[in-house]
């Protein structure tokens, strides 16, 4: 059984100038990091030509499908019944990206099939992570 989910989606980058555009993105979930989800944008979608990856809580994504959620670098909220907005905040500004809510729901369902909601703690390797930290120190 695979321990990683990698789902390609189309997203719409909302901009005031020159205009909004459709961009590819990938949603990723790894059982080795059970509380987190990742959104990856390819180099063509970024201003500096480098791949951009954002990591945030799976629960934040789940909650943001129903109501405005998040207070930090990533916020998630429904835009309308079919669209969810994820905002990525940096010191340089904010990227507002629209996703099809069905794509996000399908992705979350797959992630919960891999690691059940509430069962994330059973997939953590605390001893291995601590050993890695001590090796780096």
Protein backbone atom coordinates (compact mmCIF):
# COMPACT_ATOMS: atom_id res chain seq x y z
CA UNK A 1 0.00 0.00 0.00
CA UNK A 2 1.29 3.43 -0.93
CA UNK A 3 2.11 5.82 1.89
CA UNK A 4 1.86 8.98 -0.24
CA UNK A 5 -1.04 10.58 -2.09
CA UNK A 6 -0.15 12.92 -4.96
CA UNK A 7 -3.17 14.43 -6.73
CA UNK A 8 -2.85 16.81 -9.68
CA UNK A 9 -5.40 19.65 -9.77
CA UNK A 10 -6.02 22.88 -11.62
CA UNK A 11 -6.17 26.06 -9.57
CA UNK A 12 -6.94 29.67 -10.43
CA UNK A 13 -4.48 32.29 -9.22
CA UNK A 14 -6.53 35.41 -8.49
CA UNK A 15 -4.70 38.62 -9.36
CA UNK A 16 -5.63 42.20 -10.06
CA UNK A 17 -2.96 42.73 -12.68
CA UNK A 18 -2.63 41.63 -15.33
CA UNK A 19 -5.41 39.07 -14.72
CA UNK A 20 -6.29 35.79 -13.07
CA UNK A 21 -4.89 32.65 -14.62
CA UNK A 22 -5.24 28.89 -14.35
CA UNK A 23 -2.19 27.14 -12.94
CA UNK A 24 -1.36 23.49 -12.28
CA UNK A 25 -0.86 22.37 -8.71
CA UNK A 26 -0.36 19.13 -6.81
CA UNK A 27 -1.94 18.16 -3.52
CA UNK A 28 0.27 15.84 -1.48
CA UNK A 29 -0.24 13.82 1.64
CA UNK A 30 2.38 11.57 3.21
CA UNK A 31 1.57 9.11 5.98
CA UNK A 32 5.04 9.83 7.44
CA UNK A 33 3.84 13.41 8.16
CA UNK A 34 0.24 12.57 9.08
CA UNK A 35 -0.98 15.96 10.29
CA UNK A 36 0.17 17.89 7.21
CA UNK A 37 -0.91 18.43 3.63
CA UNK A 38 1.13 20.09 0.93
CA UNK A 39 0.21 22.21 -2.06
CA UNK A 40 2.95 22.31 -4.68
CA UNK A 41 3.07 24.79 -7.54
CA UNK A 42 5.49 24.14 -10.44
CA UNK A 43 8.21 26.64 -11.44
CA UNK A 44 6.05 28.06 -14.24
CA UNK A 45 3.49 29.20 -11.68
CA UNK A 46 5.89 31.23 -9.54
CA UNK A 47 7.33 34.70 -9.99
CA UNK A 48 10.93 33.56 -9.55
CA UNK A 49 10.72 30.38 -11.63
CA UNK A 50 11.19 28.01 -8.68
CA UNK A 51 8.83 25.31 -7.45
CA UNK A 52 6.78 26.55 -4.48
CA UNK A 53 5.57 24.20 -1.76
CA UNK A 54 3.30 25.15 1.12
CA UNK A 55 2.74 22.82 4.07
CA UNK A 56 -0.13 23.26 6.48
CA UNK A 57 -2.49 21.26 8.67
CA UNK A 58 -4.84 18.71 7.16
CA UNK A 59 -7.44 19.80 9.70
CA UNK A 60 -7.14 23.41 8.48
CA UNK A 61 -8.00 22.27 4.96
CA UNK A 62 -10.94 20.22 6.26
CA UNK A 63 -12.32 23.10 8.35
CA UNK A 64 -11.77 25.63 5.57
CA UNK A 65 -14.12 23.75 3.28
CA UNK A 66 -16.99 24.65 5.64
CA UNK A 67 -15.96 27.98 7.18
CA UNK A 68 -13.18 30.55 7.16
CA UNK A 69 -10.20 29.00 8.98
CA UNK A 70 -6.62 29.84 9.75
CA UNK A 71 -4.92 32.87 11.21
CA UNK A 72 -1.35 32.59 10.01
CA UNK A 73 0.50 32.09 6.75
CA UNK A 74 -2.31 29.99 5.27
CA UNK A 75 -6.04 30.65 5.43
CA UNK A 76 -8.78 28.57 3.85
CA UNK A 77 -12.41 29.50 3.24
CA UNK A 78 -15.35 28.67 1.03
CA UNK A 79 -15.84 31.11 -1.84
CA UNK A 80 -19.09 29.58 -3.08
CA UNK A 81 -20.53 26.04 -2.98
CA UNK A 82 -18.11 24.84 -5.70
CA UNK A 83 -14.95 26.82 -4.92
CA UNK A 84 -12.57 27.01 -1.97
CA UNK A 85 -10.05 29.82 -1.56
CA UNK A 86 -6.63 29.17 -0.07
CA UNK A 87 -4.59 32.27 0.70
CA UNK A 88 -0.84 32.04 1.14
CA UNK A 89 0.67 34.97 3.06
CA UNK A 90 4.33 36.02 2.95
CA UNK A 91 6.23 39.20 3.80
CA UNK A 92 6.13 39.99 0.05
CA UNK A 93 2.36 39.71 -0.26
CA UNK A 94 -0.56 37.33 -0.54
CA UNK A 95 -1.42 34.77 -3.20
CA UNK A 96 -5.13 34.00 -3.43
CA UNK A 97 -5.81 30.71 -5.17
CA UNK A 98 -9.19 29.16 -6.02
CA UNK A 99 -9.58 25.37 -6.00
CA UNK A 100 -12.50 23.22 -7.01
CA UNK A 101 -13.98 22.14 -3.66
CA UNK A 102 -14.69 18.66 -5.06
CA UNK A 103 -10.96 18.17 -5.78
CA UNK A 104 -10.12 19.09 -2.20
CA UNK A 105 -12.85 16.82 -0.81
CA UNK A 106 -11.65 13.91 -2.95
CA UNK A 107 -8.06 14.51 -1.82
CA UNK A 108 -9.06 14.61 1.84
CA UNK A 109 -11.12 11.43 1.48
CA UNK A 110 -8.06 9.67 0.05
CA UNK A 111 -5.89 10.99 2.88
CA UNK A 112 -8.38 9.73 5.47
CA UNK A 113 -8.33 6.37 3.73
CA UNK A 114 -4.58 6.30 4.31
CA UNK A 115 -4.64 7.71 7.87
CA UNK A 116 -7.99 7.97 9.64
CA UNK A 117 -8.94 11.27 11.22
CA UNK A 118 -7.80 11.09 14.84
CA UNK A 119 -5.33 8.28 14.07
CA UNK A 120 -2.43 10.50 13.04
CA UNK A 121 -0.46 9.90 16.25
CA UNK A 122 -0.11 6.20 15.49
CA UNK A 123 1.88 7.05 12.34
CA UNK A 124 4.48 9.30 13.95
CA UNK A 125 8.02 8.01 14.40
CA UNK A 126 8.90 10.04 17.50
CA UNK A 127 11.98 7.95 18.33
CA UNK A 128 13.32 8.19 14.77
CA UNK A 129 12.66 11.93 14.57
CA UNK A 130 14.35 12.53 17.93
CA UNK A 131 17.38 10.46 16.88
CA UNK A 132 17.64 12.49 13.64
CA UNK A 133 17.51 15.75 15.60
CA UNK A 134 20.21 14.59 17.98
CA UNK A 135 22.45 13.55 15.05
CA UNK A 136 22.10 17.04 13.57
CA UNK A 137 22.91 18.77 16.87
